[in-house]
């Protein structure tokens, strides 16, 4: 995949997510670790595609 292909995939996934059509977290690798910064109830570090802790 090219950089433009990847960009199109990500932009499309988040556009669909904003319309409530799909879950953008499906783009993550099974072993991804990601963090939502801040002090909201969703803030924290997550692993994989699951948004629950």
C-alpha atoms as a PDB file:
ATOM      1  CA  UNK A   1       0.000   0.000   0.000  1.00  0.00           C
ATOM      2  CA  UNK A   2       1.110   3.525  -0.699  1.00  0.00           C
ATOM      3  CA  UNK A   3       0.920   6.443   1.706  1.00  0.00           C
ATOM      4  CA  UNK A   4      -2.067   7.752  -0.267  1.00  0.00           C
ATOM      5  CA  UNK A   5      -3.794   4.339  -0.017  1.00  0.00           C
ATOM      6  CA  UNK A   6      -3.280   4.328   3.756  1.00  0.00           C
ATOM      7  CA  UNK A   7      -4.523   7.899   4.081  1.00  0.00           C
ATOM      8  CA  UNK A   8      -7.667   7.053   2.095  1.00  0.00           C
ATOM      9  CA  UNK A   9      -8.303   3.993   4.280  1.00  0.00           C
ATOM     10  CA  UNK A  10      -7.994   5.988   7.519  1.00  0.00           C
ATOM     11  CA  UNK A  11     -10.013   8.990   6.329  1.00  0.00           C
ATOM     12  CA  UNK A  12     -12.752   6.706   5.030  1.00  0.00           C
ATOM     13  CA  UNK A  13     -12.870   4.670   8.237  1.00  0.00           C
ATOM     14  CA  UNK A  14     -13.197   7.742  10.463  1.00  0.00           C
ATOM     15  CA  UNK A  15     -15.799   9.300   8.156  1.00  0.00           C
ATOM     16  CA  UNK A  16     -17.885   6.102   8.393  1.00  0.00           C
ATOM     17  CA  UNK A  17     -17.391   6.042  12.180  1.00  0.00           C
ATOM     18  CA  UNK A  18     -18.600   9.643  12.482  1.00  0.00           C
ATOM     19  CA  UNK A  19     -21.761   8.610  10.626  1.00  0.00           C
ATOM     20  CA  UNK A  20     -22.216   5.670  13.019  1.00  0.00           C
ATOM     21  CA  UNK A  21     -21.643   3.109  10.270  1.00  0.00           C
ATOM     22  CA  UNK A  22     -18.570   1.265  11.480  1.00  0.00           C
ATOM     23  CA  UNK A  23     -16.014   0.996  14.232  1.00  0.00           C
ATOM     24  CA  UNK A  24     -12.701   2.691  13.318  1.00  0.00           C
ATOM     25  CA  UNK A  25     -10.919   0.592  15.937  1.00  0.00           C
ATOM     26  CA  UNK A  26     -11.079  -2.352  13.523  1.00  0.00           C
ATOM     27  CA  UNK A  27      -8.101  -0.699  11.806  1.00  0.00           C
ATOM     28  CA  UNK A  28      -5.854  -1.441  14.785  1.00  0.00           C
ATOM     29  CA  UNK A  29      -3.565  -4.438  14.956  1.00  0.00           C
ATOM     30  CA  UNK A  30      -4.544  -7.147  17.448  1.00  0.00           C
ATOM     31  CA  UNK A  31      -1.577  -6.184  19.644  1.00  0.00           C
ATOM     32  CA  UNK A  32      -1.838  -2.376  19.324  1.00  0.00           C
ATOM     33  CA  UNK A  33      -1.442  -0.236  22.426  1.00  0.00           C
ATOM     34  CA  UNK A  34      -3.007   3.210  22.296  1.00  0.00           C
ATOM     35  CA  UNK A  35      -3.742   6.029  24.727  1.00  0.00           C
ATOM     36  CA  UNK A  36      -6.476   8.610  25.080  1.00  0.00           C
ATOM     37  CA  UNK A  37      -4.936  11.524  26.951  1.00  0.00           C
ATOM     38  CA  UNK A  38      -6.801  13.682  29.406  1.00  0.00           C
ATOM     39  CA  UNK A  39      -9.046  13.266  32.416  1.00  0.00           C
ATOM     40  CA  UNK A  40     -12.306  12.125  30.825  1.00  0.00           C
ATOM     41  CA  UNK A  41     -13.867   8.770  31.640  1.00  0.00           C
ATOM     42  CA  UNK A  42     -12.384   7.397  28.383  1.00  0.00           C
ATOM     43  CA  UNK A  43      -8.837   8.562  29.164  1.00  0.00           C
ATOM     44  CA  UNK A  44      -6.353   5.767  29.642  1.00  0.00           C
ATOM     45  CA  UNK A  45      -4.276   3.165  27.850  1.00  0.00           C
ATOM     46  CA  UNK A  46      -5.940   0.436  25.835  1.00  0.00           C
ATOM     47  CA  UNK A  47      -4.673  -2.700  24.140  1.00  0.00           C
ATOM     48  CA  UNK A  48      -5.938  -4.153  20.884  1.00  0.00           C
ATOM     49  CA  UNK A  49      -9.254  -3.267  19.312  1.00  0.00           C
ATOM     50  CA  UNK A  50     -11.323  -3.436  22.487  1.00  0.00           C
ATOM     51  CA  UNK A  51     -12.366  -0.059  23.887  1.00  0.00           C
ATOM     52  CA  UNK A  52     -13.351  -1.504  27.251  1.00  0.00           C
ATOM     53  CA  UNK A  53     -10.914  -2.001  30.077  1.00  0.00           C
END
